C-alpha atoms as a PDB file:
ATOM      1  CA  MET A   1     298.736 -97.356  13.952  1.00  0.00           C
ATOM      2  CA  PRO A   2     298.269-100.965  12.915  1.00  0.00           C
ATOM      3  CA  ASP A   3     299.838-103.748  14.945  1.00  0.00           C
ATOM      4  CA  ASP A   4     301.836-105.204  12.077  1.00  0.00           C
ATOM      5  CA  LEU A   5     303.893-102.422  10.462  1.00  0.00           C
ATOM      6  CA  ASN A   6     305.022-103.044   6.894  1.00  0.00           C
ATOM      7  CA  LEU A   7     305.643-101.126   3.677  1.00  0.00           C
ATOM      8  CA  SER A   8     302.000-101.347   2.607  1.00  0.00           C
ATOM      9  CA  ASN A   9     300.634 -99.412   5.596  1.00  0.00           C
ATOM     10  CA  LEU A  10     303.358 -96.764   6.207  1.00  0.00           C
ATOM     11  CA  LYS A  11     302.008 -93.209   6.579  1.00  0.00           C
ATOM     12  CA  PRO A  12     303.661 -89.934   7.550  1.00  0.00           C
ATOM     13  CA  ALA A  13     303.101 -88.729  11.128  1.00  0.00           C
ATOM     14  CA  GLN A  14     301.628 -85.410   9.901  1.00  0.00           C
ATOM     15  CA  PRO A  15     299.730 -85.067   6.643  1.00  0.00           C
ATOM     16  CA  ARG A  16     301.920 -83.670   3.889  1.00  0.00           C
ATOM     17  CA  LYS A  17     301.374 -80.086   2.805  1.00  0.00           C
ATOM     18  CA  GLU A  18     301.813 -79.308  -0.850  1.00  0.00           C
ATOM     19  CA  ARG A  19     304.290 -76.554  -1.727  1.00  0.00           C
ATOM     20  CA  LYS A  20     302.677 -73.350  -3.031  1.00  0.00           C
ATOM     21  CA  ARG A  21     303.365 -73.266  -6.793  1.00  0.00           C
ATOM     22  CA  VAL A  22     303.192 -69.678  -7.968  1.00  0.00           C
ATOM     23  CA  GLY A  23     303.251 -68.361 -11.511  1.00  0.00           C
ATOM     24  CA  ARG A  24     301.563 -71.413 -13.041  1.00  0.00           C
ATOM     25  CA  GLY A  25     298.673 -69.865 -14.936  1.00  0.00           C
ATOM     26  CA  LEU A  26     295.747 -67.585 -14.126  1.00  0.00           C
ATOM     27  CA  GLY A  27     293.466 -70.463 -13.196  1.00  0.00           C
ATOM     28  CA  SER A  28     295.755 -71.550 -10.344  1.00  0.00           C
ATOM     29  CA  GLY A  29     294.969 -68.452  -8.287  1.00  0.00           C
ATOM     30  CA  LYS A  30     298.643 -67.570  -7.980  1.00  0.00           C
ATOM     31  CA  GLY A  31     299.439 -66.734 -11.597  1.00  0.00           C
ATOM     32  CA  ARG A  32     300.525 -63.543 -13.363  1.00  0.00           C
ATOM     33  CA  TYR A  33     302.031 -61.602 -10.400  1.00  0.00           C
ATOM     34  CA  SER A  34     302.491 -64.681  -8.181  1.00  0.00           C
ATOM     35  CA  GLY A  35     300.850 -63.085  -5.147  1.00  0.00           C
ATOM     36  CA  ARG A  36     303.278 -60.148  -5.072  1.00  0.00           C
ATOM     37  CA  GLY A  37     300.889 -57.485  -6.309  1.00  0.00           C
ATOM     38  CA  LEU A  38     301.955 -54.915  -8.899  1.00  0.00           C
ATOM     39  CA  LYS A  39     305.232 -53.021  -9.245  1.00  0.00           C
ATOM     40  CA  GLY A  40     307.433 -51.849  -6.384  1.00  0.00           C
ATOM     41  CA  GLN A  41     310.369 -52.952  -4.293  1.00  0.00           C
ATOM     42  CA  LYS A  42     308.544 -55.903  -2.751  1.00  0.00           C
ATOM     43  CA  SER A  43     307.610 -57.314  -6.138  1.00  0.00           C
ATOM     44  CA  ARG A  44     311.262 -57.805  -7.093  1.00  0.00           C
ATOM     45  CA  SER A  45     313.368 -60.845  -6.385  1.00  0.00           C
ATOM     46  CA  GLY A  46     315.640 -60.546  -3.355  1.00  0.00           C
ATOM     47  CA  SER A  47     313.440 -57.823  -1.872  1.00  0.00           C
ATOM     48  CA  HIS A  48     312.844 -59.767   1.348  1.00  0.00           C
ATOM     49  CA  LYS A  49     316.531 -60.010   2.218  1.00  0.00           C
ATOM     50  CA  MET A  50     316.889 -56.469   3.607  1.00  0.00           C
ATOM     51  CA  ARG A  51     319.085 -55.966   6.654  1.00  0.00           C
ATOM     52  CA  ALA A  52     317.506 -55.271  10.026  1.00  0.00           C
ATOM     53  CA  GLY A  53     316.651 -51.609  10.447  1.00  0.00           C
ATOM     54  CA  PHE A  54     316.559 -50.884   6.702  1.00  0.00           C
ATOM     55  CA  GLU A  55     314.023 -48.128   6.032  1.00  0.00           C
ATOM     56  CA  GLY A  56     313.737 -48.322   2.267  1.00  0.00           C
ATOM     57  CA  GLY A  57     316.505 -45.856   1.557  1.00  0.00           C
ATOM     58  CA  GLN A  58     315.084 -43.249   3.939  1.00  0.00           C
ATOM     59  CA  MET A  59     317.610 -41.777   6.375  1.00  0.00           C
ATOM     60  CA  PRO A  60     317.654 -44.464   9.100  1.00  0.00           C
ATOM     61  CA  VAL A  61     316.795 -43.620  12.688  1.00  0.00           C
ATOM     62  CA  HIS A  62     320.318 -44.298  13.985  1.00  0.00           C
ATOM     63  CA  MET A  63     321.588 -41.603  11.623  1.00  0.00           C
ATOM     64  CA  ARG A  64     318.746 -39.167  12.335  1.00  0.00           C
ATOM     65  CA  VAL A  65     319.126 -38.967  16.104  1.00  0.00           C
ATOM     66  CA  GLY A  66     321.857 -36.959  17.813  1.00  0.00           C
ATOM     67  CA  LYS A  67     324.927 -38.676  19.169  1.00  0.00           C
ATOM     68  CA  LEU A  68     326.573 -38.221  22.543  1.00  0.00           C
ATOM     69  CA  ARG A  69     330.202 -37.355  22.242  1.00  0.00           C
ATOM     70  CA  GLY A  70     333.001 -39.665  23.238  1.00  0.00           C
ATOM     71  CA  SER A  71     331.078 -42.910  23.692  1.00  0.00           C
ATOM     72  CA  THR A  72     334.157 -44.889  22.704  1.00  0.00           C
ATOM     73  CA  SER A  73     336.838 -42.628  24.152  1.00  0.00           C
ATOM     74  CA  LYS A  74     339.143 -43.858  26.913  1.00  0.00           C
ATOM     75  CA  ASP A  75     337.553 -41.433  29.364  1.00  0.00           C
ATOM     76  CA  ALA A  76     333.987 -42.648  28.795  1.00  0.00           C
ATOM     77  CA  MET A  77     332.788 -44.778  31.705  1.00  0.00           C
ATOM     78  CA  PRO A  78     331.913 -48.361  30.998  1.00  0.00           C
ATOM     79  CA  ILE A  79     330.983 -47.820  27.326  1.00  0.00           C
ATOM     80  CA  GLY A  80     333.209 -49.035  24.529  1.00  0.00           C
ATOM     81  CA  PRO A  81     336.299 -51.208  24.601  1.00  0.00           C
ATOM     82  CA  PHE A  82     337.832 -49.323  27.538  1.00  0.00           C
ATOM     83  CA  MET A  83     335.886 -50.796  30.430  1.00  0.00           C
ATOM     84  CA  THR A  84     336.518 -48.729  33.537  1.00  0.00           C
ATOM     85  CA  SER A  85     333.866 -50.264  35.781  1.00  0.00           C
ATOM     86  CA  THR A  86     334.741 -52.430  38.777  1.00  0.00           C
ATOM     87  CA  VAL A  87     332.913 -54.919  40.976  1.00  0.00           C
ATOM     88  CA  PRO A  88     332.500 -53.427  44.474  1.00  0.00           C
ATOM     89  CA  VAL A  89     333.267 -55.646  47.480  1.00  0.00           C
ATOM     90  CA  ASN A  90     332.819 -54.276  51.003  1.00  0.00           C
ATOM     91  CA  LEU A  91     334.897 -55.098  54.081  1.00  0.00           C
ATOM     92  CA  ARG A  92     331.856 -56.655  55.768  1.00  0.00           C
ATOM     93  CA  ASP A  93     331.925 -59.376  53.060  1.00  0.00           C
ATOM     94  CA  LEU A  94     335.412 -60.459  54.151  1.00  0.00           C
ATOM     95  CA  GLY A  95     333.995 -61.924  57.392  1.00  0.00           C
ATOM     96  CA  LYS A  96     333.721 -65.290  55.592  1.00  0.00           C
ATOM     97  CA  PHE A  97     337.530 -65.587  55.439  1.00  0.00           C
ATOM     98  CA  ASP A  98     339.601 -67.182  58.190  1.00  0.00           C
ATOM     99  CA  ALA A  99     342.319 -65.216  59.972  1.00  0.00           C
ATOM    100  CA  GLY A 100     345.550 -65.146  57.950  1.00  0.00           C
ATOM    101  CA  ALA A 101     343.722 -66.012  54.708  1.00  0.00           C
ATOM    102  CA  GLU A 102     344.621 -64.550  51.337  1.00  0.00           C
ATOM    103  CA  VAL A 103     341.855 -62.530  49.667  1.00  0.00           C
ATOM    104  CA  THR A 104     342.101 -62.639  45.850  1.00  0.00           C
ATOM    105  CA  PRO A 105     339.494 -62.358  43.082  1.00  0.00           C
ATOM    106  CA  GLU A 106     339.633 -66.157  42.688  1.00  0.00           C
ATOM    107  CA  SER A 107     338.971 -66.762  46.406  1.00  0.00           C
ATOM    108  CA  LEU A 108     336.092 -64.265  46.304  1.00  0.00           C
ATOM    109  CA  VAL A 109     334.523 -66.288  43.464  1.00  0.00           C
ATOM    110  CA  GLU A 110     334.936 -69.543  45.424  1.00  0.00           C
ATOM    111  CA  LEU A 111     333.035 -68.093  48.385  1.00  0.00           C
ATOM    112  CA  GLY A 112     330.328 -66.691  46.095  1.00  0.00           C
ATOM    113  CA  ILE A 113     330.978 -63.030  46.954  1.00  0.00           C
ATOM    114  CA  ILE A 114     331.474 -62.131  43.274  1.00  0.00           C
ATOM    115  CA  LYS A 115     330.313 -64.001  40.158  1.00  0.00           C
ATOM    116  CA  ASN A 116     333.495 -64.164  38.076  1.00  0.00           C
ATOM    117  CA  THR A 117     336.936 -62.638  37.597  1.00  0.00           C
ATOM    118  CA  LYS A 118     336.230 -60.932  34.270  1.00  0.00           C
ATOM    119  CA  THR A 119     335.815 -57.484  35.872  1.00  0.00           C
ATOM    120  CA  ASP A 120     338.289 -55.799  38.220  1.00  0.00           C
ATOM    121  CA  VAL A 121     337.566 -55.925  41.958  1.00  0.00           C
ATOM    122  CA  LYS A 122     337.536 -52.799  44.137  1.00  0.00           C
ATOM    123  CA  LEU A 123     337.469 -53.151  47.917  1.00  0.00           C
ATOM    124  CA  LEU A 124     335.354 -50.540  49.700  1.00  0.00           C
ATOM    125  CA  GLY A 125     335.386 -49.582  53.372  1.00  0.00           C
ATOM    126  CA  MET A 126     331.811 -50.310  54.470  1.00  0.00           C
ATOM    127  CA  GLY A 127     331.915 -52.497  57.565  1.00  0.00           C
ATOM    128  CA  ASP A 128     334.779 -53.538  59.827  1.00  0.00           C
ATOM    129  CA  VAL A 129     337.445 -56.221  59.725  1.00  0.00           C
ATOM    130  CA  SER A 130     339.002 -57.749  62.827  1.00  0.00           C
ATOM    131  CA  LYS A 131     341.078 -60.519  61.226  1.00  0.00           C
ATOM    132  CA  LYS A 132     344.594 -60.288  59.820  1.00  0.00           C
ATOM    133  CA  LEU A 133     344.159 -60.732  56.059  1.00  0.00           C
ATOM    134  CA  THR A 134     346.396 -60.497  53.005  1.00  0.00           C
ATOM    135  CA  VAL A 135     344.336 -58.664  50.382  1.00  0.00           C
ATOM    136  CA  ARG A 136     345.220 -58.741  46.668  1.00  0.00           C
ATOM    137  CA  VAL A 137     342.693 -56.774  44.594  1.00  0.00           C
ATOM    138  CA  HIS A 138     342.754 -54.395  41.629  1.00  0.00           C
ATOM    139  CA  ALA A 139     341.735 -51.256  43.558  1.00  0.00           C
ATOM    140  CA  ILE A 140     340.984 -50.252  47.146  1.00  0.00           C
ATOM    141  CA  SER A 141     339.535 -47.215  48.851  1.00  0.00           C
ATOM    142  CA  ALA A 142     341.560 -45.258  51.391  1.00  0.00           C
ATOM    143  CA  SER A 143     339.231 -46.134  54.294  1.00  0.00           C
ATOM    144  CA  ALA A 144     339.353 -49.861  53.473  1.00  0.00           C
ATOM    145  CA  ARG A 145     343.158 -49.822  53.320  1.00  0.00           C
ATOM    146  CA  GLU A 146     343.324 -48.040  56.669  1.00  0.00           C
ATOM    147  CA  LYS A 147     341.006 -50.553  58.390  1.00  0.00           C
ATOM    148  CA  ILE A 148     342.866 -53.594  57.013  1.00  0.00           C
ATOM    149  CA  GLU A 149     346.270 -52.259  58.043  1.00  0.00           C
ATOM    150  CA  LYS A 150     344.919 -51.327  61.494  1.00  0.00           C
ATOM    151  CA  ALA A 151     343.829 -54.985  61.931  1.00  0.00           C
ATOM    152  CA  GLY A 152     347.394 -56.111  61.051  1.00  0.00           C
ATOM    153  CA  GLY A 153     346.716 -57.126  57.446  1.00  0.00           C
ATOM    154  CA  THR A 154     348.513 -56.179  54.245  1.00  0.00           C
ATOM    155  CA  VAL A 155     347.251 -54.799  50.927  1.00  0.00           C
ATOM    156  CA  GLU A 156     348.713 -55.467  47.472  1.00  0.00           C
ATOM    157  CA  LEU A 157     347.287 -54.036  44.258  1.00  0.00           C
ATOM    158  CA  LEU A 158     347.106 -56.348  41.255  1.00  0.00           C
ATOM    159  CA  ARG A 159     347.247 -53.357  38.920  1.00  0.00           C
ATOM    160  CA  GLU A 160     348.923 -50.029  39.510  1.00  0.00           C
ATOM    161  CA  PRO A 161     346.398 -47.175  39.728  1.00  0.00           C
ATOM    162  CA  LYS A 162     346.169 -45.006  36.642  1.00  0.00           C
ATOM    163  CA  VAL A 163     347.505 -41.492  37.022  1.00  0.00           C
ATOM    164  CA  LYS A 164     345.074 -39.027  35.536  1.00  0.00           C
ATOM    165  CA  LYS A 165     346.588 -36.490  33.196  1.00  0.00           C
ATOM    166  CA  ALA A 166     346.386 -32.893  34.319  1.00  0.00           C
ATOM    167  CA  ALA A 167     344.288 -30.734  32.063  1.00  0.00           C
ATOM    168  CA  LYS A 168     346.413 -28.493  29.891  1.00  0.00           C
ATOM    169  CA  ARG A 169     345.532 -24.860  30.404  1.00  0.00           C
ATOM    170  CA  LYS A 170     346.895 -21.876  28.604  1.00  0.00           C
ATOM    171  CA  PRO A 171     348.545 -19.370  30.933  1.00  0.00           C
ATOM    172  CA  ALA A 172     346.471 -16.249  31.402  1.00  0.00           C
ATOM    173  CA  PRO A 173     348.034 -13.188  29.784  1.00  0.00           C
ATOM    174  CA  ALA A 174     349.704 -10.951  32.355  1.00  0.00           C
ATOM    175  CA  ALA A 175     347.629  -7.847  32.950  1.00  0.00           C
ATOM    176  CA  ALA A 176     349.612  -4.765  31.938  1.00  0.00           C
ATOM    177  CA  GLU A 177     349.966  -2.245  34.750  1.00  0.00           C
ATOM    178  CA  PRO A 178     348.298   1.038  33.778  1.00  0.00           C
ATOM    179  CA  GLU A 179     350.759   3.912  33.502  1.00  0.00           C
ATOM    180  CA  GLU A 180     350.067   6.927  35.655  1.00  0.00           C
ATOM    181  CA  ALA A 181     349.078   9.945  33.594  1.00  0.00           C
ATOM    182  CA  PRO A 182     351.184  13.068  34.357  1.00  0.00           C
ATOM    183  CA  THR A 183     349.217  15.587  36.407  1.00  0.00           C
ATOM    184  CA  GLU A 184     349.133  19.132  35.133  1.00  0.00           C
ATOM    185  CA  THR A 185     349.852  22.048  37.413  1.00  0.00           C
ATOM    186  CA  PRO A 186     347.502  25.079  37.248  1.00  0.00           C
ATOM    187  CA  GLU A 187     350.346  27.146  35.788  1.00  0.00           C
ATOM    188  CA  GLU A 188     350.784  24.737  32.796  1.00  0.00           C
ATOM    189  CA  SER A 189     347.079  24.677  32.027  1.00  0.00           C
ATOM    190  CA  GLU A 190     346.930  28.501  31.825  1.00  0.00           C
ATOM    191  CA  ALA A 191     349.777  28.651  29.314  1.00  0.00           C
END
């Protein structure tokens, strides 16, 4: 780069590359078929704008393979729009709280026990708790509830637990009692 920069000595930082001009005569090297070869789908205009996974009209792989049933049903575990997964938090993790503190998903995030409050929190009973705590979570196991209440704490659920529907079963048909066949006496059989 020269010391005195002016309009007479300006140059681009990288050398310019000429655009490939196709279809400009046989002598250019890119004439006639313009580098696309002969006939076929890829010789046509717009042929390179196919969606991802397009297999040229062949039955695509996502339609060929078998599907598992109910991937988006309400009963399917964390798949689909009905997320049923929870973030587990054990009682041993509550040792970071002071006595009389309130345990909520927000306070668990502040202490770095969970990452965020997007997913429901379930408190599990691994470990022991000796402090009196007020716990407000989405779900809690029976052993965790028992240990917290034994230590003098209280438990409140942020969401009422879902009651599972009982499976509908058809009543079994009542078995008909077999009628006793009349027994013949030897006198009747001789007649």
